Amino acid sequence: MAYSVRIDRIGKAGVPRSVPRIYQATDEADALMIAFYEVDGSTPDRPRVATVTDSSGRMLFTYSGRANTAVST
């Protein structure tokens, strides 16, 4: 497995709430799909943050959810 996806549930204080879930992905596209699904697609009860690292442990990206596009003029 080339990529690791760590999913942290965020508590009310803004810090990780419980033991993270760790998923393994074969490529960047798979890691991206897991991160997006776990943060946005699975309708989580608490906010979640996904961190993707490569096989050497280097962080590639962190995803915390869709940006809010509502703009008041």
N, C-alpha and C. Protein backbone atom coordinates (compact mmCIF):
# COMPACT_ATOMS: atom_id res chain seq x y z
N MET A 1 0.84 -1.18 0.00
CA MET A 1 0.00 0.00 0.00
C MET A 1 0.88 1.24 0.00
N ALA A 2 0.55 2.16 -0.86
CA ALA A 2 1.41 3.33 -1.04
C ALA A 2 0.97 4.54 -0.22
N TYR A 3 -0.30 4.64 0.14
CA TYR A 3 -0.80 5.83 0.82
C TYR A 3 -1.62 5.44 2.03
N SER A 4 -1.56 6.28 3.05
CA SER A 4 -2.32 6.07 4.27
C SER A 4 -3.26 7.25 4.47
N VAL A 5 -4.51 6.98 4.83
CA VAL A 5 -5.51 8.02 5.05
C VAL A 5 -5.95 7.92 6.51
N ARG A 6 -5.70 8.99 7.25
CA ARG A 6 -6.07 9.04 8.68
C ARG A 6 -7.29 9.93 8.82
N ILE A 7 -8.34 9.41 9.46
CA ILE A 7 -9.58 10.16 9.68
C ILE A 7 -9.71 10.44 11.17
N ASP A 8 -9.70 11.74 11.53
CA ASP A 8 -9.88 12.16 12.92
C ASP A 8 -11.25 12.79 13.08
N ARG A 9 -12.00 12.34 14.09
CA ARG A 9 -13.26 12.99 14.46
C ARG A 9 -12.90 14.15 15.37
N ILE A 10 -13.48 15.31 15.12
CA ILE A 10 -13.16 16.51 15.88
C ILE A 10 -14.26 16.78 16.90
N GLY A 11 -13.87 16.98 18.15
CA GLY A 11 -14.82 17.23 19.22
C GLY A 11 -15.20 18.71 19.31
N LYS A 12 -16.02 19.04 20.29
CA LYS A 12 -16.50 20.41 20.46
C LYS A 12 -15.37 21.39 20.77
N ALA A 13 -14.31 20.93 21.39
CA ALA A 13 -13.18 21.80 21.73
C ALA A 13 -12.25 22.03 20.54
N GLY A 14 -12.51 21.36 19.42
CA GLY A 14 -11.68 21.54 18.23
C GLY A 14 -10.46 20.65 18.16
N VAL A 15 -10.40 19.64 19.00
CA VAL A 15 -9.28 18.71 19.00
C VAL A 15 -9.80 17.30 18.67
N PRO A 16 -8.93 16.40 18.22
CA PRO A 16 -9.38 15.03 17.93
C PRO A 16 -10.08 14.41 19.13
N ARG A 17 -11.21 13.74 18.83
CA ARG A 17 -12.08 13.25 19.89
C ARG A 17 -11.82 11.80 20.28
N SER A 18 -11.45 10.96 19.34
CA SER A 18 -11.29 9.54 19.63
C SER A 18 -10.13 8.98 18.80
N VAL A 19 -9.95 7.70 18.91
CA VAL A 19 -8.89 7.03 18.16
C VAL A 19 -9.17 7.19 16.66
N PRO A 20 -8.17 7.61 15.88
CA PRO A 20 -8.42 7.82 14.45
C PRO A 20 -8.61 6.51 13.70
N ARG A 21 -9.32 6.60 12.59
CA ARG A 21 -9.44 5.46 11.67
C ARG A 21 -8.32 5.61 10.65
N ILE A 22 -7.68 4.50 10.32
CA ILE A 22 -6.60 4.51 9.34
C ILE A 22 -6.99 3.59 8.19
N TYR A 23 -6.93 4.12 6.97
CA TYR A 23 -7.21 3.34 5.76
C TYR A 23 -5.96 3.33 4.89
N GLN A 24 -5.78 2.26 4.13
CA GLN A 24 -4.68 2.15 3.18
C GLN A 24 -5.23 2.30 1.77
N ALA A 25 -4.51 3.04 0.93
CA ALA A 25 -4.92 3.26 -0.45
C ALA A 25 -3.78 2.89 -1.39
N THR A 26 -4.13 2.41 -2.57
CA THR A 26 -3.11 1.99 -3.53
C THR A 26 -2.52 3.14 -4.33
N ASP A 27 -3.30 4.21 -4.53
CA ASP A 27 -2.81 5.36 -5.30
C ASP A 27 -3.45 6.64 -4.78
N GLU A 28 -3.02 7.79 -5.32
CA GLU A 28 -3.54 9.07 -4.85
C GLU A 28 -5.04 9.22 -5.10
N ALA A 29 -5.52 8.73 -6.21
CA ALA A 29 -6.95 8.84 -6.51
C ALA A 29 -7.78 8.07 -5.49
N ASP A 30 -7.33 6.90 -5.11
CA ASP A 30 -8.02 6.11 -4.10
C ASP A 30 -7.98 6.81 -2.75
N ALA A 31 -6.84 7.38 -2.39
CA ALA A 31 -6.71 8.11 -1.12
C ALA A 31 -7.63 9.32 -1.11
N LEU A 32 -7.70 10.03 -2.21
CA LEU A 32 -8.57 11.19 -2.33
C LEU A 32 -10.04 10.79 -2.18
N MET A 33 -10.44 9.71 -2.81
CA MET A 33 -11.81 9.23 -2.72
C MET A 33 -12.17 8.85 -1.28
N ILE A 34 -11.28 8.16 -0.60
CA ILE A 34 -11.52 7.78 0.80
C ILE A 34 -11.66 9.02 1.67
N ALA A 35 -10.76 9.98 1.49
CA ALA A 35 -10.79 11.21 2.30
C ALA A 35 -12.09 11.97 2.09
N PHE A 36 -12.48 12.18 0.83
CA PHE A 36 -13.71 12.91 0.54
C PHE A 36 -14.93 12.18 1.09
N TYR A 37 -14.99 10.87 0.91
CA TYR A 37 -16.15 10.11 1.39
C TYR A 37 -16.26 10.19 2.91
N GLU A 38 -15.15 9.97 3.61
CA GLU A 38 -15.19 9.94 5.07
C GLU A 38 -15.51 11.32 5.67
N VAL A 39 -15.09 12.40 5.02
CA VAL A 39 -15.34 13.74 5.55
C VAL A 39 -16.70 14.27 5.11
N ASP A 40 -17.05 14.12 3.84
CA ASP A 40 -18.28 14.71 3.30
C ASP A 40 -19.40 13.71 3.04
N GLY A 41 -19.08 12.60 2.44
CA GLY A 41 -20.09 11.70 1.90
C GLY A 41 -20.78 10.80 2.87
N SER A 42 -20.20 10.56 4.02
CA SER A 42 -20.79 9.58 4.93
C SER A 42 -21.70 10.21 5.97
N THR A 43 -21.99 11.50 5.88
CA THR A 43 -22.84 12.24 6.81
C THR A 43 -22.40 11.97 8.25
N PRO A 44 -21.21 12.44 8.61
CA PRO A 44 -20.69 12.16 9.96
C PRO A 44 -21.46 12.92 11.04
N ASP A 45 -21.47 12.34 12.25
CA ASP A 45 -22.12 12.98 13.38
C ASP A 45 -21.28 14.11 13.96
N ARG A 46 -20.00 14.07 13.78
CA ARG A 46 -19.07 15.11 14.21
C ARG A 46 -18.20 15.51 13.01
N PRO A 47 -17.67 16.73 13.00
CA PRO A 47 -16.76 17.10 11.92
C PRO A 47 -15.56 16.15 11.88
N ARG A 48 -15.04 15.94 10.70
CA ARG A 48 -13.89 15.05 10.52
C ARG A 48 -12.83 15.73 9.69
N VAL A 49 -11.59 15.31 9.90
CA VAL A 49 -10.46 15.80 9.13
C VAL A 49 -9.71 14.58 8.61
N ALA A 50 -9.39 14.60 7.31
CA ALA A 50 -8.63 13.51 6.69
C ALA A 50 -7.22 14.00 6.39
N THR A 51 -6.23 13.19 6.75
CA THR A 51 -4.83 13.49 6.46
C THR A 51 -4.28 12.34 5.63
N VAL A 52 -3.70 12.66 4.47
CA VAL A 52 -3.15 11.64 3.58
C VAL A 52 -1.64 11.74 3.59
N THR A 53 -0.98 10.60 3.81
CA THR A 53 0.48 10.54 3.79
C THR A 53 0.92 9.48 2.78
N ASP A 54 2.14 9.65 2.27
CA ASP A 54 2.68 8.66 1.33
C ASP A 54 3.40 7.57 2.12
N SER A 55 4.03 6.64 1.42
CA SER A 55 4.65 5.49 2.08
C SER A 55 5.82 5.87 2.97
N SER A 56 6.45 7.02 2.74
CA SER A 56 7.56 7.46 3.58
C SER A 56 7.08 8.25 4.80
N GLY A 57 5.76 8.50 4.91
CA GLY A 57 5.21 9.23 6.04
C GLY A 57 5.08 10.73 5.80
N ARG A 58 5.39 11.17 4.59
CA ARG A 58 5.29 12.60 4.26
C ARG A 58 3.83 12.96 3.98
N MET A 59 3.35 14.05 4.62
CA MET A 59 1.97 14.46 4.43
C MET A 59 1.78 15.05 3.04
N LEU A 60 0.76 14.57 2.32
CA LEU A 60 0.46 15.07 0.99
C LEU A 60 -0.61 16.15 1.05
N PHE A 61 -1.69 15.90 1.79
CA PHE A 61 -2.72 16.92 1.97
C PHE A 61 -3.60 16.58 3.16
N THR A 62 -4.29 17.61 3.63
CA THR A 62 -5.27 17.48 4.69
C THR A 62 -6.57 18.05 4.16
N TYR A 63 -7.68 17.33 4.39
CA TYR A 63 -8.98 17.75 3.89
C TYR A 63 -9.95 17.84 5.05
N SER A 64 -10.61 19.01 5.20
CA SER A 64 -11.54 19.19 6.32
C SER A 64 -12.96 19.45 5.87
N GLY A 65 -13.24 19.37 4.58
CA GLY A 65 -14.61 19.54 4.10
C GLY A 65 -14.71 20.57 3.00
N ARG A 66 -15.88 20.63 2.43
CA ARG A 66 -16.15 21.56 1.34
C ARG A 66 -16.12 23.00 1.84
N ALA A 67 -15.65 23.88 0.99
CA ALA A 67 -15.65 25.30 1.33
C ALA A 67 -17.09 25.83 1.23
N ASN A 68 -17.42 26.76 2.08
CA ASN A 68 -18.73 27.39 2.06
C ASN A 68 -18.71 28.47 0.98
N THR A 69 -19.54 28.34 -0.02
CA THR A 69 -19.51 29.28 -1.14
C THR A 69 -20.52 30.43 -0.97
N ALA A 70 -21.22 30.47 0.14
CA ALA A 70 -22.19 31.54 0.35
C ALA A 70 -21.45 32.84 0.62
N VAL A 71 -21.70 33.83 -0.22
CA VAL A 71 -21.07 35.14 -0.10
C VAL A 71 -22.14 36.19 -0.06
N SER A 72 -22.10 37.04 0.93
CA SER A 72 -23.10 38.12 1.00
C SER A 72 -22.54 39.36 0.34
N THR A 73 -23.36 40.05 -0.43
CA THR A 73 -22.90 41.26 -1.12
C THR A 73 -23.63 42.48 -0.64
